[in-house]
Amino acid sequence: MEVNVVGEQLSQNEINAYIDYGRKKYSDREIIGMTVKTDGEYVDLRYDFAKDVPFDRIRRITGYLVGTLDRFNNGKRAEEHDRVKHSV
């Protein structure tokens, strides 16, 4: 992990504590870098993350919020197939 310190120098123990804090706070994301800006007693932390987590597209189809049609039964699939699809 790349760590940039802007302002006052910090001990390695303090930097490690900020790294641990970020890993606990953002346990579901991979941290690849960190910038620590010091201003007297104040510290600003900025974490850089690996590629964003992909997400599923959700659409409203026949009154339901769905990502895909694979869980629809035959009746709902037919209803979706018979819909009037409007173009923009």
N, C-alpha and C. Protein backbone atom coordinates (compact mmCIF):
# COMPACT_ATOMS: atom_id res chain seq x y z
N MET A 1 0.85 -1.17 0.00
CA MET A 1 0.00 0.00 0.00
C MET A 1 0.89 1.23 0.00
N GLU A 2 0.53 2.19 -0.84
CA GLU A 2 1.28 3.44 -0.92
C GLU A 2 0.69 4.44 0.08
N VAL A 3 1.55 5.00 0.93
CA VAL A 3 1.11 5.97 1.93
C VAL A 3 1.83 7.29 1.69
N ASN A 4 1.06 8.37 1.52
CA ASN A 4 1.62 9.71 1.36
C ASN A 4 1.26 10.53 2.59
N VAL A 5 2.26 11.16 3.18
CA VAL A 5 2.05 12.02 4.34
C VAL A 5 2.33 13.45 3.92
N VAL A 6 1.32 14.32 4.11
CA VAL A 6 1.45 15.73 3.75
C VAL A 6 1.40 16.54 5.05
N GLY A 7 2.40 17.37 5.25
CA GLY A 7 2.45 18.16 6.49
C GLY A 7 3.52 17.62 7.41
N GLU A 8 3.17 17.51 8.68
CA GLU A 8 4.13 17.05 9.69
C GLU A 8 4.47 15.58 9.51
N GLN A 9 5.66 15.21 9.93
CA GLN A 9 6.08 13.83 9.88
C GLN A 9 5.33 13.02 10.95
N LEU A 10 5.02 11.77 10.62
CA LEU A 10 4.34 10.88 11.54
C LEU A 10 5.22 9.67 11.80
N SER A 11 5.07 9.10 12.99
CA SER A 11 5.81 7.88 13.30
C SER A 11 5.18 6.72 12.54
N GLN A 12 5.95 5.67 12.34
CA GLN A 12 5.45 4.49 11.63
C GLN A 12 4.30 3.85 12.41
N ASN A 13 4.35 3.91 13.74
CA ASN A 13 3.26 3.36 14.56
C ASN A 13 1.95 4.11 14.30
N GLU A 14 2.02 5.43 14.17
CA GLU A 14 0.82 6.22 13.91
C GLU A 14 0.28 5.93 12.50
N ILE A 15 1.16 5.81 11.53
CA ILE A 15 0.74 5.47 10.16
C ILE A 15 0.06 4.10 10.16
N ASN A 16 0.66 3.13 10.85
CA ASN A 16 0.07 1.80 10.93
C ASN A 16 -1.31 1.83 11.59
N ALA A 17 -1.49 2.69 12.58
CA ALA A 17 -2.79 2.82 13.24
C ALA A 17 -3.83 3.36 12.26
N TYR A 18 -3.47 4.32 11.40
CA TYR A 18 -4.40 4.84 10.40
C TYR A 18 -4.72 3.78 9.35
N ILE A 19 -3.74 2.97 9.00
CA ILE A 19 -3.98 1.87 8.05
C ILE A 19 -4.96 0.87 8.66
N ASP A 20 -4.73 0.49 9.91
CA ASP A 20 -5.64 -0.44 10.59
C ASP A 20 -7.04 0.13 10.70
N TYR A 21 -7.15 1.43 10.99
CA TYR A 21 -8.44 2.08 11.09
C TYR A 21 -9.19 1.98 9.76
N GLY A 22 -8.50 2.26 8.67
CA GLY A 22 -9.12 2.19 7.35
C GLY A 22 -9.54 0.78 6.99
N ARG A 23 -8.72 -0.20 7.32
CA ARG A 23 -9.07 -1.59 7.01
C ARG A 23 -10.29 -2.05 7.80
N LYS A 24 -10.43 -1.57 9.03
CA LYS A 24 -11.62 -1.93 9.83
C LYS A 24 -12.85 -1.20 9.31
N LYS A 25 -12.71 0.08 9.00
CA LYS A 25 -13.86 0.89 8.55
C LYS A 25 -14.35 0.43 7.18
N TYR A 26 -13.43 0.10 6.29
CA TYR A 26 -13.77 -0.30 4.93
C TYR A 26 -13.39 -1.76 4.70
N SER A 27 -13.85 -2.63 5.58
CA SER A 27 -13.47 -4.04 5.51
C SER A 27 -13.97 -4.74 4.25
N ASP A 28 -14.98 -4.16 3.60
CA ASP A 28 -15.53 -4.78 2.40
C ASP A 28 -14.86 -4.31 1.12
N ARG A 29 -13.86 -3.43 1.24
CA ARG A 29 -13.17 -2.89 0.05
C ARG A 29 -11.66 -3.05 0.22
N GLU A 30 -10.96 -3.09 -0.89
CA GLU A 30 -9.51 -3.22 -0.87
C GLU A 30 -8.87 -1.84 -0.97
N ILE A 31 -8.09 -1.48 0.04
CA ILE A 31 -7.40 -0.20 0.07
C ILE A 31 -6.05 -0.37 -0.61
N ILE A 32 -5.79 0.48 -1.63
CA ILE A 32 -4.50 0.37 -2.33
C ILE A 32 -3.58 1.55 -2.02
N GLY A 33 -4.12 2.59 -1.40
CA GLY A 33 -3.30 3.75 -1.07
C GLY A 33 -3.98 4.62 -0.04
N MET A 34 -3.20 5.51 0.58
CA MET A 34 -3.73 6.37 1.61
C MET A 34 -2.94 7.68 1.62
N THR A 35 -3.66 8.80 1.80
CA THR A 35 -3.02 10.10 1.96
C THR A 35 -3.41 10.63 3.33
N VAL A 36 -2.39 11.03 4.09
CA VAL A 36 -2.61 11.59 5.43
C VAL A 36 -2.16 13.04 5.40
N LYS A 37 -3.10 13.96 5.63
CA LYS A 37 -2.76 15.38 5.70
C LYS A 37 -2.85 15.82 7.15
N THR A 38 -1.76 16.38 7.65
CA THR A 38 -1.73 16.83 9.04
C THR A 38 -1.76 18.35 9.08
N ASP A 39 -2.50 18.86 10.07
CA ASP A 39 -2.60 20.31 10.28
C ASP A 39 -2.74 20.54 11.78
N GLY A 40 -1.60 20.62 12.45
CA GLY A 40 -1.64 20.79 13.90
C GLY A 40 -2.19 19.52 14.55
N GLU A 41 -3.31 19.68 15.26
CA GLU A 41 -3.92 18.53 15.93
C GLU A 41 -4.89 17.77 15.03
N TYR A 42 -5.14 18.27 13.85
CA TYR A 42 -6.12 17.66 12.95
C TYR A 42 -5.43 16.81 11.90
N VAL A 43 -6.08 15.71 11.55
CA VAL A 43 -5.57 14.81 10.53
C VAL A 43 -6.71 14.47 9.57
N ASP A 44 -6.46 14.63 8.28
CA ASP A 44 -7.42 14.22 7.25
C ASP A 44 -6.89 12.95 6.60
N LEU A 45 -7.76 11.95 6.50
CA LEU A 45 -7.39 10.68 5.90
C LEU A 45 -8.15 10.51 4.59
N ARG A 46 -7.45 10.13 3.55
CA ARG A 46 -8.09 9.82 2.26
C ARG A 46 -7.58 8.46 1.81
N TYR A 47 -8.50 7.55 1.59
CA TYR A 47 -8.14 6.21 1.17
C TYR A 47 -8.45 6.04 -0.31
N ASP A 48 -7.55 5.38 -1.00
CA ASP A 48 -7.76 5.05 -2.41
C ASP A 48 -8.07 3.56 -2.48
N PHE A 49 -9.12 3.24 -3.20
CA PHE A 49 -9.59 1.87 -3.25
C PHE A 49 -9.31 1.24 -4.61
N ALA A 50 -9.26 -0.09 -4.61
CA ALA A 50 -9.12 -0.83 -5.85
C ALA A 50 -10.39 -0.64 -6.67
N LYS A 51 -10.41 -1.18 -7.83
CA LYS A 51 -11.54 -1.04 -8.74
C LYS A 51 -12.87 -1.20 -7.99
N ASP A 52 -13.83 -0.36 -8.36
CA ASP A 52 -15.13 -0.39 -7.70
C ASP A 52 -15.77 -1.76 -7.83
N VAL A 53 -16.57 -2.08 -6.85
CA VAL A 53 -17.30 -3.34 -6.84
C VAL A 53 -18.40 -3.28 -7.91
N PRO A 54 -18.48 -4.29 -8.77
CA PRO A 54 -19.53 -4.26 -9.79
C PRO A 54 -20.91 -4.38 -9.14
N PHE A 55 -21.89 -3.83 -9.79
CA PHE A 55 -23.25 -3.91 -9.25
C PHE A 55 -24.19 -4.45 -10.32
N ASP A 56 -25.30 -4.98 -9.86
CA ASP A 56 -26.31 -5.50 -10.77
C ASP A 56 -27.28 -4.40 -11.12
N ARG A 57 -27.66 -4.37 -12.37
CA ARG A 57 -28.66 -3.41 -12.83
C ARG A 57 -30.03 -3.92 -12.38
N ILE A 58 -30.81 -3.05 -11.79
CA ILE A 58 -32.15 -3.41 -11.34
C ILE A 58 -33.16 -2.61 -12.14
N ARG A 59 -34.17 -3.31 -12.65
CA ARG A 59 -35.22 -2.67 -13.43
C ARG A 59 -36.57 -2.99 -12.81
N ARG A 60 -37.55 -2.13 -13.10
CA ARG A 60 -38.91 -2.43 -12.69
C ARG A 60 -39.60 -3.08 -13.88
N ILE A 61 -39.95 -4.34 -13.73
CA ILE A 61 -40.62 -5.08 -14.78
C ILE A 61 -41.90 -5.66 -14.21
N THR A 62 -42.99 -5.35 -14.82
CA THR A 62 -44.33 -5.81 -14.42
C THR A 62 -44.57 -5.61 -12.93
N GLY A 63 -44.09 -4.49 -12.41
CA GLY A 63 -44.35 -4.16 -11.01
C GLY A 63 -43.35 -4.72 -10.02
N TYR A 64 -42.32 -5.41 -10.47
CA TYR A 64 -41.32 -5.98 -9.59
C TYR A 64 -39.95 -5.38 -9.88
N LEU A 65 -39.16 -5.20 -8.85
CA LEU A 65 -37.77 -4.79 -9.04
C LEU A 65 -36.93 -6.05 -9.20
N VAL A 66 -36.32 -6.19 -10.36
CA VAL A 66 -35.55 -7.40 -10.65
C VAL A 66 -34.24 -7.04 -11.33
N GLY A 67 -33.28 -7.93 -11.20
CA GLY A 67 -32.03 -7.79 -11.92
C GLY A 67 -32.07 -8.59 -13.22
N THR A 68 -32.58 -9.81 -13.15
CA THR A 68 -32.71 -10.66 -14.33
C THR A 68 -34.07 -11.35 -14.28
N LEU A 69 -34.42 -11.97 -15.38
CA LEU A 69 -35.71 -12.65 -15.47
C LEU A 69 -35.62 -14.13 -15.13
N ASP A 70 -34.46 -14.62 -14.74
CA ASP A 70 -34.28 -16.05 -14.54
C ASP A 70 -35.11 -16.63 -13.40
N ARG A 71 -35.59 -15.81 -12.47
CA ARG A 71 -36.40 -16.32 -11.36
C ARG A 71 -37.90 -16.19 -11.62
N PHE A 72 -38.26 -15.64 -12.77
CA PHE A 72 -39.68 -15.50 -13.12
C PHE A 72 -40.24 -16.87 -13.53
N ASN A 73 -41.50 -17.12 -13.17
CA ASN A 73 -42.16 -18.33 -13.64
C ASN A 73 -42.65 -18.09 -15.07
N ASN A 74 -43.24 -19.10 -15.69
CA ASN A 74 -43.64 -18.99 -17.09
C ASN A 74 -44.68 -17.89 -17.31
N GLY A 75 -45.59 -17.71 -16.36
CA GLY A 75 -46.61 -16.67 -16.49
C GLY A 75 -45.99 -15.28 -16.51
N LYS A 76 -45.06 -15.01 -15.61
CA LYS A 76 -44.40 -13.70 -15.57
C LYS A 76 -43.52 -13.50 -16.80
N ARG A 77 -42.87 -14.56 -17.27
CA ARG A 77 -42.06 -14.44 -18.48
C ARG A 77 -42.93 -14.08 -19.68
N ALA A 78 -44.10 -14.70 -19.76
CA ALA A 78 -45.03 -14.39 -20.85
C ALA A 78 -45.53 -12.95 -20.72
N GLU A 79 -45.82 -12.52 -19.51
CA GLU A 79 -46.27 -11.13 -19.29
C GLU A 79 -45.20 -10.14 -19.73
N GLU A 80 -43.95 -10.43 -19.41
CA GLU A 80 -42.84 -9.56 -19.80
C GLU A 80 -42.68 -9.57 -21.32
N HIS A 81 -42.84 -10.74 -21.93
CA HIS A 81 -42.69 -10.86 -23.38
C HIS A 81 -43.77 -10.08 -24.13
N ASP A 82 -44.97 -10.03 -23.56
CA ASP A 82 -46.10 -9.36 -24.21
C ASP A 82 -46.15 -7.86 -23.95
N ARG A 83 -45.27 -7.35 -23.12
CA ARG A 83 -45.26 -5.91 -22.81
C ARG A 83 -45.02 -5.09 -24.06
N VAL A 84 -45.56 -3.89 -24.04
CA VAL A 84 -45.25 -2.92 -25.10
C VAL A 84 -43.98 -2.20 -24.69
N LYS A 85 -42.94 -2.35 -25.47
CA LYS A 85 -41.66 -1.71 -25.14
C LYS A 85 -41.56 -0.40 -25.92
N HIS A 86 -41.37 0.69 -25.20
CA HIS A 86 -41.30 2.01 -25.80
C HIS A 86 -39.85 2.39 -26.06
N SER A 87 -39.61 3.05 -27.18
CA SER A 87 -38.24 3.52 -27.45
C SER A 87 -38.20 5.03 -27.15
N VAL A 88 -37.01 5.52 -26.94
CA VAL A 88 -36.84 6.92 -26.60
C VAL A 88 -36.55 7.73 -27.84
